[in-house]
Structures are given as C-alpha cells and as structure tokens.
Amino acid sequence: MGHEFAEAIQPLFIFGGIAMVIWASAKAKLEHRKLDMIRGQPVETRPAAASEDKILAEMRAMRQQMEQMQSTSHSFDLSFDEALNRLEGRINRLETKSAVTTATPATDTTPNTLRNGQS
C-alpha cells in the first residue's frame, strides 16, 4: 500500500515544485520593482503613444497584405474557372465530334471512279 501511495502523490510533488518556482520568480520580480521604486528609477513602462502608432502601422500593413492576397486569390479563381470552361468546351467538341464520326458508316457504298469518269 505504501508503494501505491507514493505513486499517487508523486505528481503532486512535481506540480507543487513547479508552482513554487513560479511563485519564487514572481516574488523576486516584485522585490526588484520595489527596489527600483525606492532608488527612484523608473519602473518598466512602455510609451503608450509610440506603441499605439506602431500597432496601427502594423495593422495597416496587414490590411494591405490581406487585400493583395484577396485580389491574387480572386484572379487565380477566375483563371481557374476560365481553364475549366475551356477544358469543358474542348471535351464537348470531342464528344460531339466522336458522336458524328460513329454515326456515319465507315464503309463507302459509292463505286470507285476516277476523276475523268473512267472506272
């Protein structure tokens, strides 16, 4: 029974260890910030206006890329549809051509005559 208990509690120790590492990291970061504030150094801040401008510029660039991809995709769709229509037309012509050639008899019943009317 002791062996089964050890196997059951082992994952708890692993997850507990991971939680302790995360907790210690968060506590150290908080202490580091407190020391920076006491020393009068600025806490990590990012300029809001600069980041917003950067984000807007990235969004514009992504929007342009999306529009370009949509137009490319649209042109590919149109060319694919054109190719399918041409192929379908060719197949239809071949089918009608083969239907016409199979409908006419292969043997000619007219007598063999020369051009000058001689047999």
PDB file of N, CA and C in Angstrom:
ATOM      1  N   MET A   1       0.808  -1.178   0.000  1.00  0.00           N
ATOM      2  CA  MET A   1       0.000   0.000   0.000  1.00  0.00           C
ATOM      3  C   MET A   1       0.862   1.257   0.000  1.00  0.00           C
ATOM      4  N   GLY A   2       1.989   1.207   0.571  1.00  0.00           N
ATOM      5  CA  GLY A   2       2.877   2.361   0.629  1.00  0.00           C
ATOM      6  C   GLY A   2       3.394   2.742  -0.752  1.00  0.00           C
ATOM      7  N   HIS A   3       3.625   1.733  -1.575  1.00  0.00           N
ATOM      8  CA  HIS A   3       4.108   1.973  -2.934  1.00  0.00           C
ATOM      9  C   HIS A   3       3.043   2.674  -3.775  1.00  0.00           C
ATOM     10  N   GLU A   4       1.797   2.268  -3.630  1.00  0.00           N
ATOM     11  CA  GLU A   4       0.692   2.888  -4.369  1.00  0.00           C
ATOM     12  C   GLU A   4       0.500   4.345  -3.945  1.00  0.00           C
ATOM     13  N   PHE A   5       0.655   4.601  -2.649  1.00  0.00           N
ATOM     14  CA  PHE A   5       0.518   5.960  -2.149  1.00  0.00           C
ATOM     15  C   PHE A   5       1.621   6.847  -2.711  1.00  0.00           C
ATOM     16  N   ALA A   6       2.824   6.327  -2.789  1.00  0.00           N
ATOM     17  CA  ALA A   6       3.955   7.100  -3.320  1.00  0.00           C
ATOM     18  C   ALA A   6       3.730   7.428  -4.794  1.00  0.00           C
ATOM     19  N   GLU A   7       3.190   6.478  -5.545  1.00  0.00           N
ATOM     20  CA  GLU A   7       2.910   6.735  -6.958  1.00  0.00           C
ATOM     21  C   GLU A   7       1.808   7.770  -7.126  1.00  0.00           C
ATOM     22  N   ALA A   8       0.841   7.782  -6.228  1.00  0.00           N
ATOM     23  CA  ALA A   8      -0.273   8.711  -6.325  1.00  0.00           C
ATOM     24  C   ALA A   8       0.135  10.130  -5.937  1.00  0.00           C
ATOM     25  N   ILE A   9       1.050  10.249  -4.996  1.00  0.00           N
ATOM     26  CA  ILE A   9       1.418  11.577  -4.504  1.00  0.00           C
ATOM     27  C   ILE A   9       2.587  12.189  -5.293  1.00  0.00           C
ATOM     28  N   GLN A  10       3.283  11.403  -6.079  1.00  0.00           N
ATOM     29  CA  GLN A  10       4.421  11.902  -6.839  1.00  0.00           C
ATOM     30  C   GLN A  10       4.038  13.050  -7.792  1.00  0.00           C
ATOM     31  N   PRO A  11       2.926  12.970  -8.559  1.00  0.00           N
ATOM     32  CA  PRO A  11       2.558  14.113  -9.410  1.00  0.00           C
ATOM     33  C   PRO A  11       2.280  15.386  -8.613  1.00  0.00           C
ATOM     34  N   LEU A  12       1.760  15.221  -7.388  1.00  0.00           N
ATOM     35  CA  LEU A  12       1.517  16.395  -6.552  1.00  0.00           C
ATOM     36  C   LEU A  12       2.814  17.098  -6.189  1.00  0.00           C
ATOM     37  N   PHE A  13       3.840  16.331  -5.913  1.00  0.00           N
ATOM     38  CA  PHE A  13       5.139  16.926  -5.604  1.00  0.00           C
ATOM     39  C   PHE A  13       5.707  17.645  -6.833  1.00  0.00           C
ATOM     40  N   ILE A  14       5.521  17.060  -8.003  1.00  0.00           N
ATOM     41  CA  ILE A  14       6.029  17.685  -9.227  1.00  0.00           C
ATOM     42  C   ILE A  14       5.317  19.008  -9.478  1.00  0.00           C
ATOM     43  N   PHE A  15       3.987  18.993  -9.423  1.00  0.00           N
ATOM     44  CA  PHE A  15       3.238  20.227  -9.651  1.00  0.00           C
ATOM     45  C   PHE A  15       3.493  21.254  -8.556  1.00  0.00           C
ATOM     46  N   GLY A  16       3.667  20.779  -7.335  1.00  0.00           N
ATOM     47  CA  GLY A  16       3.995  21.689  -6.236  1.00  0.00           C
ATOM     48  C   GLY A  16       5.343  22.354  -6.454  1.00  0.00           C
ATOM     49  N   GLY A  17       6.300  21.599  -6.945  1.00  0.00           N
ATOM     50  CA  GLY A  17       7.622  22.162  -7.226  1.00  0.00           C
ATOM     51  C   GLY A  17       7.552  23.219  -8.320  1.00  0.00           C
ATOM     52  N   ILE A  18       6.784  22.932  -9.364  1.00  0.00           N
ATOM     53  CA  ILE A  18       6.624  23.905 -10.449  1.00  0.00           C
ATOM     54  C   ILE A  18       5.953  25.173  -9.921  1.00  0.00           C
ATOM     55  N   ALA A  19       4.926  25.003  -9.082  1.00  0.00           N
ATOM     56  CA  ALA A  19       4.231  26.155  -8.511  1.00  0.00           C
ATOM     57  C   ALA A  19       5.174  26.979  -7.641  1.00  0.00           C
ATOM     58  N   MET A  20       6.038  26.338  -6.907  1.00  0.00           N
ATOM     59  CA  MET A  20       6.992  27.055  -6.052  1.00  0.00           C
ATOM     60  C   MET A  20       7.976  27.867  -6.888  1.00  0.00           C
ATOM     61  N   VAL A  21       8.431  27.315  -8.007  1.00  0.00           N
ATOM     62  CA  VAL A  21       9.348  28.052  -8.881  1.00  0.00           C
ATOM     63  C   VAL A  21       8.655  29.280  -9.450  1.00  0.00           C
ATOM     64  N   ILE A  22       7.419  29.122  -9.885  1.00  0.00           N
ATOM     65  CA  ILE A  22       6.668  30.258 -10.429  1.00  0.00           C
ATOM     66  C   ILE A  22       6.453  31.315  -9.342  1.00  0.00           C
ATOM     67  N   TRP A  23       6.080  30.886  -8.168  1.00  0.00           N
ATOM     68  CA  TRP A  23       5.856  31.813  -7.058  1.00  0.00           C
ATOM     69  C   TRP A  23       7.140  32.557  -6.698  1.00  0.00           C
ATOM     70  N   ALA A  24       8.263  31.850  -6.636  1.00  0.00           N
ATOM     71  CA  ALA A  24       9.542  32.486  -6.285  1.00  0.00           C
ATOM     72  C   ALA A  24       9.942  33.495  -7.354  1.00  0.00           C
ATOM     73  N   SER A  25       9.698  33.173  -8.608  1.00  0.00           N
ATOM     74  CA  SER A  25      10.019  34.098  -9.694  1.00  0.00           C
ATOM     75  C   SER A  25       9.176  35.366  -9.593  1.00  0.00           C
ATOM     76  N   ALA A  26       7.895  35.215  -9.346  1.00  0.00           N
ATOM     77  CA  ALA A  26       7.010  36.375  -9.214  1.00  0.00           C
ATOM     78  C   ALA A  26       7.415  37.228  -8.017  1.00  0.00           C
ATOM     79  N   LYS A  27       7.762  36.585  -6.913  1.00  0.00           N
ATOM     80  CA  LYS A  27       8.167  37.327  -5.714  1.00  0.00           C
ATOM     81  C   LYS A  27       9.463  38.083  -5.968  1.00  0.00           C
ATOM     82  N   ALA A  28      10.415  37.473  -6.650  1.00  0.00           N
ATOM     83  CA  ALA A  28      11.685  38.149  -6.946  1.00  0.00           C
ATOM     84  C   ALA A  28      11.452  39.349  -7.867  1.00  0.00           C
ATOM     85  N   LYS A  29      10.579  39.201  -8.833  1.00  0.00           N
ATOM     86  CA  LYS A  29      10.280  40.316  -9.731  1.00  0.00           C
ATOM     87  C   LYS A  29       9.629  41.463  -8.967  1.00  0.00           C
ATOM     88  N   LEU A  30       8.724  41.146  -8.049  1.00  0.00           N
ATOM     89  CA  LEU A  30       8.075  42.170  -7.239  1.00  0.00           C
ATOM     90  C   LEU A  30       9.086  42.884  -6.353  1.00  0.00           C
ATOM     91  N   GLU A  31       9.981  42.142  -5.761  1.00  0.00           N
ATOM     92  CA  GLU A  31      11.022  42.742  -4.928  1.00  0.00           C
ATOM     93  C   GLU A  31      11.933  43.639  -5.765  1.00  0.00           C
ATOM     94  N   HIS A  32      12.259  43.219  -6.964  1.00  0.00           N
ATOM     95  CA  HIS A  32      13.105  44.018  -7.852  1.00  0.00           C
ATOM     96  C   HIS A  32      12.413  45.337  -8.183  1.00  0.00           C
ATOM     97  N   ARG A  33      11.125  45.301  -8.436  1.00  0.00           N
ATOM     98  CA  ARG A  33      10.372  46.530  -8.728  1.00  0.00           C
ATOM     99  C   ARG A  33      10.342  47.454  -7.505  1.00  0.00           C
ATOM    100  N   LYS A  34      10.149  46.871  -6.345  1.00  0.00           N
ATOM    101  CA  LYS A  34      10.135  47.682  -5.125  1.00  0.00           C
ATOM    102  C   LYS A  34      11.467  48.399  -4.945  1.00  0.00           C
ATOM    103  N   LEU A  35      12.571  47.682  -5.166  1.00  0.00           N
ATOM    104  CA  LEU A  35      13.888  48.288  -5.028  1.00  0.00           C
ATOM    105  C   LEU A  35      14.096  49.396  -6.057  1.00  0.00           C
ATOM    106  N   ASP A  36      13.617  49.202  -7.288  1.00  0.00           N
ATOM    107  CA  ASP A  36      13.731  50.235  -8.304  1.00  0.00           C
ATOM    108  C   ASP A  36      12.953  51.481  -7.907  1.00  0.00           C
ATOM    109  N   MET A  37      11.780  51.299  -7.337  1.00  0.00           N
ATOM    110  CA  MET A  37      10.973  52.445  -6.913  1.00  0.00           C
ATOM    111  C   MET A  37      11.646  53.180  -5.760  1.00  0.00           C
ATOM    112  N   ILE A  38      12.238  52.432  -4.838  1.00  0.00           N
ATOM    113  CA  ILE A  38      12.915  53.050  -3.699  1.00  0.00           C
ATOM    114  C   ILE A  38      14.113  53.859  -4.191  1.00  0.00           C
ATOM    115  N   ARG A  39      14.859  53.349  -5.145  1.00  0.00           N
ATOM    116  CA  ARG A  39      16.024  54.044  -5.699  1.00  0.00           C
ATOM    117  C   ARG A  39      15.630  55.219  -6.584  1.00  0.00           C
ATOM    118  N   GLY A  40      14.379  55.289  -6.951  1.00  0.00           N
ATOM    119  CA  GLY A  40      13.924  56.384  -7.797  1.00  0.00           C
ATOM    120  C   GLY A  40      14.074  56.100  -9.278  1.00  0.00           C
ATOM    121  N   GLN A  41      14.387  54.877  -9.627  1.00  0.00           N
ATOM    122  CA  GLN A  41      14.495  54.525 -11.042  1.00  0.00           C
ATOM    123  C   GLN A  41      13.093  54.244 -11.576  1.00  0.00           C
ATOM    124  N   PRO A  42      12.874  54.557 -12.836  1.00  0.00           N
ATOM    125  CA  PRO A  42      11.541  54.317 -13.390  1.00  0.00           C
ATOM    126  C   PRO A  42      11.262  52.819 -13.519  1.00  0.00           C
ATOM    127  N   VAL A  43      10.039  52.484 -13.226  1.00  0.00           N
ATOM    128  CA  VAL A  43       9.594  51.108 -13.390  1.00  0.00           C
ATOM    129  C   VAL A  43       9.410  50.866 -14.880  1.00  0.00           C
ATOM    130  N   GLU A  44       9.547  49.641 -15.313  1.00  0.00           N
ATOM    131  CA  GLU A  44       9.406  49.310 -16.734  1.00  0.00           C
ATOM    132  C   GLU A  44       8.074  49.840 -17.249  1.00  0.00           C
ATOM    133  N   THR A  45       8.170  50.822 -18.122  1.00  0.00           N
ATOM    134  CA  THR A  45       6.957  51.322 -18.758  1.00  0.00           C
ATOM    135  C   THR A  45       7.247  51.444 -20.237  1.00  0.00           C
ATOM    136  N   ARG A  46       6.239  51.316 -21.002  1.00  0.00           N
ATOM    137  CA  ARG A  46       6.398  51.486 -22.446  1.00  0.00           C
ATOM    138  C   ARG A  46       5.619  52.719 -22.853  1.00  0.00           C
ATOM    139  N   PRO A  47       6.168  53.505 -23.728  1.00  0.00           N
ATOM    140  CA  PRO A  47       5.432  54.687 -24.155  1.00  0.00           C
ATOM    141  C   PRO A  47       4.182  54.271 -24.914  1.00  0.00           C
ATOM    142  N   ALA A  48       3.043  54.699 -24.411  1.00  0.00           N
ATOM    143  CA  ALA A  48       1.770  54.274 -24.974  1.00  0.00           C
ATOM    144  C   ALA A  48       1.572  54.792 -26.379  1.00  0.00           C
ATOM    145  N   ALA A  49       1.923  56.051 -26.640  1.00  0.00           N
ATOM    146  CA  ALA A  49       1.691  56.638 -27.963  1.00  0.00           C
ATOM    147  C   ALA A  49       2.539  55.946 -29.023  1.00  0.00           C
ATOM    148  N   ALA A  50       3.781  55.684 -28.699  1.00  0.00           N
ATOM    149  CA  ALA A  50       4.665  55.036 -29.671  1.00  0.00           C
ATOM    150  C   ALA A  50       4.187  53.631 -29.982  1.00  0.00           C
ATOM    151  N   SER A  51       3.757  52.902 -28.972  1.00  0.00           N
ATOM    152  CA  SER A  51       3.310  51.539 -29.212  1.00  0.00           C
ATOM    153  C   SER A  51       1.998  51.526 -29.994  1.00  0.00           C
ATOM    154  N   GLU A  52       1.116  52.502 -29.725  1.00  0.00           N
ATOM    155  CA  GLU A  52      -0.136  52.569 -30.474  1.00  0.00           C
ATOM    156  C   GLU A  52       0.118  52.885 -31.940  1.00  0.00           C
ATOM    157  N   ASP A  53       1.060  53.805 -32.195  1.00  0.00           N
ATOM    158  CA  ASP A  53       1.399  54.130 -33.582  1.00  0.00           C
ATOM    159  C   ASP A  53       1.988  52.914 -34.291  1.00  0.00           C
ATOM    160  N   LYS A  54       2.825  52.206 -33.582  1.00  0.00           N
ATOM    161  CA  LYS A  54       3.441  51.010 -34.166  1.00  0.00           C
ATOM    162  C   LYS A  54       2.385  49.947 -34.468  1.00  0.00           C
ATOM    163  N   ILE A  55       1.459  49.788 -33.541  1.00  0.00           N
ATOM    164  CA  ILE A  55       0.390  48.802 -33.730  1.00  0.00           C
ATOM    165  C   ILE A  55      -0.481  49.184 -34.911  1.00  0.00           C
ATOM    166  N   LEU A  56      -0.826  50.476 -35.011  1.00  0.00           N
ATOM    167  CA  LEU A  56      -1.648  50.932 -36.137  1.00  0.00           C
ATOM    168  C   LEU A  56      -0.929  50.738 -37.466  1.00  0.00           C
ATOM    169  N   ALA A  57       0.377  51.021 -37.486  1.00  0.00           N
ATOM    170  CA  ALA A  57       1.145  50.828 -38.719  1.00  0.00           C
ATOM    171  C   ALA A  57       1.177  49.346 -39.106  1.00  0.00           C
ATOM    172  N   GLU A  58       1.345  48.480 -38.128  1.00  0.00           N
ATOM    173  CA  GLU A  58       1.337  47.038 -38.403  1.00  0.00           C
ATOM    174  C   GLU A  58      -0.023  46.589 -38.917  1.00  0.00           C
ATOM    175  N   MET A  59      -1.086  47.135 -38.338  1.00  0.00           N
ATOM    176  CA  MET A  59      -2.428  46.765 -38.788  1.00  0.00           C
ATOM    177  C   MET A  59      -2.670  47.229 -40.222  1.00  0.00           C
ATOM    178  N   ARG A  60      -2.192  48.431 -40.549  1.00  0.00           N
ATOM    179  CA  ARG A  60      -2.338  48.909 -41.935  1.00  0.00           C
ATOM    180  C   ARG A  60      -1.581  47.997 -42.901  1.00  0.00           C
ATOM    181  N   ALA A  61      -0.365  47.636 -42.521  1.00  0.00           N
ATOM    182  CA  ALA A  61       0.437  46.758 -43.378  1.00  0.00           C
ATOM    183  C   ALA A  61      -0.254  45.407 -43.555  1.00  0.00           C
ATOM    184  N   MET A  62      -0.808  44.872 -42.473  1.00  0.00           N
ATOM    185  CA  MET A  62      -1.504  43.590 -42.569  1.00  0.00           C
ATOM    186  C   MET A  62      -2.752  43.706 -43.428  1.00  0.00           C
ATOM    187  N   ARG A  63      -3.463  44.836 -43.311  1.00  0.00           N
ATOM    188  CA  ARG A  63      -4.657  45.053 -44.120  1.00  0.00           C
ATOM    189  C   ARG A  63      -4.288  45.100 -45.610  1.00  0.00           C
ATOM    190  N   GLN A  64      -3.180  45.781 -45.932  1.00  0.00           N
ATOM    191  CA  GLN A  64      -2.727  45.835 -47.324  1.00  0.00           C
ATOM    192  C   GLN A  64      -2.362  44.442 -47.837  1.00  0.00           C
ATOM    193  N   GLN A  65      -1.671  43.677 -47.009  1.00  0.00           N
ATOM    194  CA  GLN A  65      -1.307  42.318 -47.407  1.00  0.00           C
ATOM    195  C   GLN A  65      -2.548  41.464 -47.632  1.00  0.00           C
ATOM    196  N   MET A  66      -3.541  41.620 -46.761  1.00  0.00           N
ATOM    197  CA  MET A  66      -4.785  40.851 -46.919  1.00  0.00           C
ATOM    198  C   MET A  66      -5.488  41.221 -48.221  1.00  0.00           C
ATOM    199  N   GLU A  67      -5.555  42.519 -48.533  1.00  0.00           N
ATOM    200  CA  GLU A  67      -6.194  42.945 -49.774  1.00  0.00           C
ATOM    201  C   GLU A  67      -5.443  42.406 -50.979  1.00  0.00           C
ATOM    202  N   GLN A  68      -4.117  42.430 -50.910  1.00  0.00           N
ATOM    203  CA  GLN A  68      -3.308  41.898 -52.009  1.00  0.00           C
ATOM    204  C   GLN A  68      -3.531  40.395 -52.164  1.00  0.00           C
ATOM    205  N   MET A  69      -3.584  39.684 -51.064  1.00  0.00           N
ATOM    206  CA  MET A  69      -3.822  38.244 -51.124  1.00  0.00           C
ATOM    207  C   MET A  69      -5.213  37.937 -51.665  1.00  0.00           C
ATOM    208  N   GLN A  70      -6.213  38.754 -51.288  1.00  0.00           N
ATOM    209  CA  GLN A  70      -7.560  38.541 -51.786  1.00  0.00           C
ATOM    210  C   GLN A  70      -7.632  38.761 -53.287  1.00  0.00           C
ATOM    211  N   SER A  71      -6.959  39.812 -53.775  1.00  0.00           N
ATOM    212  CA  SER A  71      -7.007  40.066 -55.221  1.00  0.00           C
ATOM    213  C   SER A  71      -6.268  38.967 -55.978  1.00  0.00           C
ATOM    214  N   THR A  72      -5.156  38.504 -55.444  1.00  0.00           N
ATOM    215  CA  THR A  72      -4.424  37.410 -56.082  1.00  0.00           C
ATOM    216  C   THR A  72      -5.278  36.147 -56.100  1.00  0.00           C
ATOM    217  N   SER A  73      -5.907  35.857 -54.980  1.00  0.00           N
ATOM    218  CA  SER A  73      -6.769  34.682 -54.893  1.00  0.00           C
ATOM    219  C   SER A  73      -7.923  34.792 -55.881  1.00  0.00           C
ATOM    220  N   HIS A  74      -8.504  35.987 -55.990  1.00  0.00           N
ATOM    221  CA  HIS A  74      -9.611  36.204 -56.914  1.00  0.00           C
ATOM    222  C   HIS A  74      -9.172  35.995 -58.360  1.00  0.00           C
ATOM    223  N   SER A  75      -7.994  36.509 -58.701  1.00  0.00           N
ATOM    224  CA  SER A  75      -7.517  36.324 -60.079  1.00  0.00           C
ATOM    225  C   SER A  75      -7.210  34.855 -60.356  1.00  0.00           C
ATOM    226  N   PHE A  76      -6.685  34.139 -59.365  1.00  0.00           N
ATOM    227  CA  PHE A  76      -6.447  32.706 -59.548  1.00  0.00           C
ATOM    228  C   PHE A  76      -7.765  31.969 -59.739  1.00  0.00           C
ATOM    229  N   ASP A  77      -8.790  32.347 -58.976  1.00  0.00           N
ATOM    230  CA  ASP A  77     -10.102  31.715 -59.127  1.00  0.00           C
ATOM    231  C   ASP A  77     -10.650  31.938 -60.532  1.00  0.00           C
ATOM    232  N   LEU A  78     -10.528  33.187 -61.008  1.00  0.00           N
ATOM    233  CA  LEU A  78     -11.041  33.484 -62.346  1.00  0.00           C
ATOM    234  C   LEU A  78     -10.286  32.714 -63.424  1.00  0.00           C
ATOM    235  N   SER A  79      -8.955  32.660 -63.313  1.00  0.00           N
ATOM    236  CA  SER A  79      -8.184  31.942 -64.333  1.00  0.00           C
ATOM    237  C   SER A  79      -8.475  30.439 -64.267  1.00  0.00           C
ATOM    238  N   PHE A  80      -8.689  29.917 -63.063  1.00  0.00           N
ATOM    239  CA  PHE A  80      -9.026  28.507 -62.920  1.00  0.00           C
ATOM    240  C   PHE A  80     -10.382  28.222 -63.556  1.00  0.00           C
ATOM    241  N   ASP A  81     -11.349  29.120 -63.313  1.00  0.00           N
ATOM    242  CA  ASP A  81     -12.673  28.949 -63.920  1.00  0.00           C
ATOM    243  C   ASP A  81     -12.585  29.021 -65.443  1.00  0.00           C
ATOM    244  N   GLU A  82     -11.781  29.944 -65.959  1.00  0.00           N
ATOM    245  CA  GLU A  82     -11.603  30.042 -67.412  1.00  0.00           C
ATOM    246  C   GLU A  82     -11.017  28.753 -67.971  1.00  0.00           C
ATOM    247  N   ALA A  83      -9.996  28.223 -67.297  1.00  0.00           N
ATOM    248  CA  ALA A  83      -9.361  26.990 -67.756  1.00  0.00           C
ATOM    249  C   ALA A  83     -10.364  25.837 -67.733  1.00  0.00           C
ATOM    250  N   LEU A  84     -11.171  25.768 -66.693  1.00  0.00           N
ATOM    251  CA  LEU A  84     -12.180  24.708 -66.630  1.00  0.00           C
ATOM    252  C   LEU A  84     -13.195  24.850 -67.754  1.00  0.00           C
ATOM    253  N   ASN A  85     -13.628  26.086 -68.033  1.00  0.00           N
ATOM    254  CA  ASN A  85     -14.583  26.304 -69.123  1.00  0.00           C
ATOM    255  C   ASN A  85     -13.989  25.910 -70.475  1.00  0.00           C
ATOM    256  N   ARG A  86     -12.721  26.276 -70.713  1.00  0.00           N
ATOM    257  CA  ARG A  86     -12.069  25.889 -71.973  1.00  0.00           C
ATOM    258  C   ARG A  86     -11.961  24.376 -72.078  1.00  0.00           C
ATOM    259  N   LEU A  87     -11.576  23.747 -70.995  1.00  0.00           N
ATOM    260  CA  LEU A  87     -11.447  22.291 -70.995  1.00  0.00           C
ATOM    261  C   LEU A  87     -12.798  21.630 -71.226  1.00  0.00           C
ATOM    262  N   GLU A  88     -13.831  22.149 -70.603  1.00  0.00           N
ATOM    263  CA  GLU A  88     -15.172  21.597 -70.787  1.00  0.00           C
ATOM    264  C   GLU A  88     -15.623  21.765 -72.243  1.00  0.00           C
ATOM    265  N   GLY A  89     -15.312  22.922 -72.844  1.00  0.00           N
ATOM    266  CA  GLY A  89     -15.652  23.146 -74.248  1.00  0.00           C
ATOM    267  C   GLY A  89     -14.930  22.176 -75.165  1.00  0.00           C
ATOM    268  N   ARG A  90     -13.648  21.955 -74.886  1.00  0.00           N
ATOM    269  CA  ARG A  90     -12.880  21.000 -75.710  1.00  0.00           C
ATOM    270  C   ARG A  90     -13.452  19.594 -75.599  1.00  0.00           C
ATOM    271  N   ILE A  91     -13.792  19.196 -74.384  1.00  0.00           N
ATOM    272  CA  ILE A  91     -14.351  17.855 -74.182  1.00  0.00           C
ATOM    273  C   ILE A  91     -15.687  17.733 -74.909  1.00  0.00           C
ATOM    274  N   ASN A  92     -16.509  18.775 -74.819  1.00  0.00           N
ATOM    275  CA  ASN A  92     -17.795  18.745 -75.525  1.00  0.00           C
ATOM    276  C   ASN A  92     -17.588  18.637 -77.035  1.00  0.00           C
ATOM    277  N   ARG A  93     -16.620  19.391 -77.579  1.00  0.00           N
ATOM    278  CA  ARG A  93     -16.353  19.306 -79.015  1.00  0.00           C
ATOM    279  C   ARG A  93     -15.863  17.916 -79.402  1.00  0.00           C
ATOM    280  N   LEU A  94     -14.993  17.330 -78.572  1.00  0.00           N
ATOM    281  CA  LEU A  94     -14.506  15.977 -78.860  1.00  0.00           C
ATOM    282  C   LEU A  94     -15.641  14.957 -78.795  1.00  0.00           C
ATOM    283  N   GLU A  95     -16.511  15.118 -77.807  1.00  0.00           N
ATOM    284  CA  GLU A  95     -17.628  14.182 -77.687  1.00  0.00           C
ATOM    285  C   GLU A  95     -18.573  14.303 -78.875  1.00  0.00           C
ATOM    286  N   THR A  96     -18.875  15.529 -79.295  1.00  0.00           N
ATOM    287  CA  THR A  96     -19.767  15.685 -80.448  1.00  0.00           C
ATOM    288  C   THR A  96     -19.078  15.219 -81.717  1.00  0.00           C
ATOM    289  N   LYS A  97     -17.778  15.453 -81.821  1.00  0.00           N
ATOM    290  CA  LYS A  97     -17.031  15.010 -82.999  1.00  0.00           C
ATOM    291  C   LYS A  97     -17.006  13.486 -83.064  1.00  0.00           C
ATOM    292  N   SER A  98     -16.780  12.831 -81.938  1.00  0.00           N
ATOM    293  CA  SER A  98     -16.752  11.365 -81.945  1.00  0.00           C
ATOM    294  C   SER A  98     -18.147  10.803 -82.177  1.00  0.00           C
ATOM    295  N   ALA A  99     -19.184  11.494 -81.706  1.00  0.00           N
ATOM    296  CA  ALA A  99     -20.556  11.039 -81.935  1.00  0.00           C
ATOM    297  C   ALA A  99     -20.902  11.139 -83.418  1.00  0.00           C
ATOM    298  N   VAL A 100     -20.415  12.197 -84.086  1.00  0.00           N
ATOM    299  CA  VAL A 100     -20.678  12.370 -85.515  1.00  0.00           C
ATOM    300  C   VAL A 100     -19.928  11.318 -86.317  1.00  0.00           C
ATOM    301  N   THR A 101     -18.682  11.039 -85.982  1.00  0.00           N
ATOM    302  CA  THR A 101     -17.901  10.052 -86.741  1.00  0.00           C
ATOM    303  C   THR A 101     -18.428   8.640 -86.521  1.00  0.00           C
ATOM    304  N   THR A 102     -18.963   8.341 -85.366  1.00  0.00           N
ATOM    305  CA  THR A 102     -19.514   6.999 -85.146  1.00  0.00           C
ATOM    306  C   THR A 102     -20.893   6.864 -85.788  1.00  0.00           C
ATOM    307  N   ALA A 103     -21.607   7.971 -86.009  1.00  0.00           N
ATOM    308  CA  ALA A 103     -22.932   7.914 -86.620  1.00  0.00           C
ATOM    309  C   ALA A 103     -22.847   7.659 -88.122  1.00  0.00           C
ATOM    310  N   THR A 104     -21.799   8.126 -88.804  1.00  0.00           N
ATOM    311  CA  THR A 104     -21.649   7.899 -90.246  1.00  0.00           C
ATOM    312  C   THR A 104     -20.984   6.551 -90.465  1.00  0.00           C
ATOM    313  N   PRO A 105     -21.416   5.804 -91.464  1.00  0.00           N
ATOM    314  CA  PRO A 105     -20.803   4.483 -91.697  1.00  0.00           C
ATOM    315  C   PRO A 105     -19.360   4.642 -92.160  1.00  0.00           C
ATOM    316  N   ALA A 106     -18.567   3.673 -91.785  1.00  0.00           N
ATOM    317  CA  ALA A 106     -17.146   3.731 -92.121  1.00  0.00           C
ATOM    318  C   ALA A 106     -16.901   3.297 -93.555  1.00  0.00           C
ATOM    319  N   THR A 107     -17.760   2.454 -94.113  1.00  0.00           N
ATOM    320  CA  THR A 107     -17.556   1.984 -95.484  1.00  0.00           C
ATOM    321  C   THR A 107     -18.320   2.863 -96.441  1.00  0.00           C
ATOM    322  N   ASP A 108     -17.744   3.124 -97.612  1.00  0.00           N
ATOM    323  CA  ASP A 108     -18.363   3.981 -98.628  1.00  0.00           C
ATOM    324  C   ASP A 108     -19.008   3.083 -99.671  1.00  0.00           C
ATOM    325  N   THR A 109     -20.292   3.271 -99.950  1.00  0.00           N
ATOM    326  CA  THR A 109     -21.017   2.419-100.899  1.00  0.00           C
ATOM    327  C   THR A 109     -20.975   2.964-102.323  1.00  0.00           C
ATOM    328  N   THR A 110     -20.401   4.120-102.526  1.00  0.00           N
ATOM    329  CA  THR A 110     -20.318   4.669-103.887  1.00  0.00           C
ATOM    330  C   THR A 110     -19.256   3.918-104.670  1.00  0.00           C
ATOM    331  N   PRO A 111     -19.461   3.736-105.993  1.00  0.00           N
ATOM    332  CA  PRO A 111     -18.461   3.000-106.783  1.00  0.00           C
ATOM    333  C   PRO A 111     -17.181   3.796-106.920  1.00  0.00           C
ATOM    334  N   ASN A 112     -16.110   3.066-107.048  1.00  0.00           N
ATOM    335  CA  ASN A 112     -14.803   3.696-107.233  1.00  0.00           C
ATOM    336  C   ASN A 112     -14.712   4.204-108.674  1.00  0.00           C
ATOM    337  N   THR A 113     -14.561   5.491-108.821  1.00  0.00           N
ATOM    338  CA  THR A 113     -14.407   6.055-110.157  1.00  0.00           C
ATOM    339  C   THR A 113     -13.237   6.990-110.163  1.00  0.00           C
ATOM    340  N   LEU A 114     -12.646   7.111-111.286  1.00  0.00           N
ATOM    341  CA  LEU A 114     -11.543   8.044-111.452  1.00  0.00           C
ATOM    342  C   LEU A 114     -12.089   9.442-111.697  1.00  0.00           C
ATOM    343  N   ARG A 115     -11.277  10.419-111.687  1.00  0.00           N
ATOM    344  CA  ARG A 115     -11.728  11.796-111.854  1.00  0.00           C
ATOM    345  C   ARG A 115     -12.272  12.061-113.265  1.00  0.00           C
ATOM    346  N   ASN A 116     -11.768  11.433-114.174  1.00  0.00           N
ATOM    347  CA  ASN A 116     -12.204  11.688-115.553  1.00  0.00           C
ATOM    348  C   ASN A 116     -13.422  10.841-115.918  1.00  0.00           C
ATOM    349  N   GLY A 117     -14.011  10.202-114.974  1.00  0.00           N
ATOM    350  CA  GLY A 117     -15.175   9.405-115.248  1.00  0.00           C
ATOM    351  C   GLY A 117     -14.865   8.001-115.688  1.00  0.00           C
ATOM    352  N   GLN A 118     -13.672   7.587-115.629  1.00  0.00           N
ATOM    353  CA  GLN A 118     -13.296   6.227-116.033  1.00  0.00           C
ATOM    354  C   GLN A 118     -13.373   5.309-114.837  1.00  0.00           C
ATOM    355  N   SER A 119     -13.781   4.085-115.076  1.00  0.00           N
ATOM    356  CA  SER A 119     -13.880   3.119-113.996  1.00  0.00           C
ATOM    357  C   SER A 119     -12.664   2.238-113.935  1.00  0.00           C
TER     358      SER A 119
END
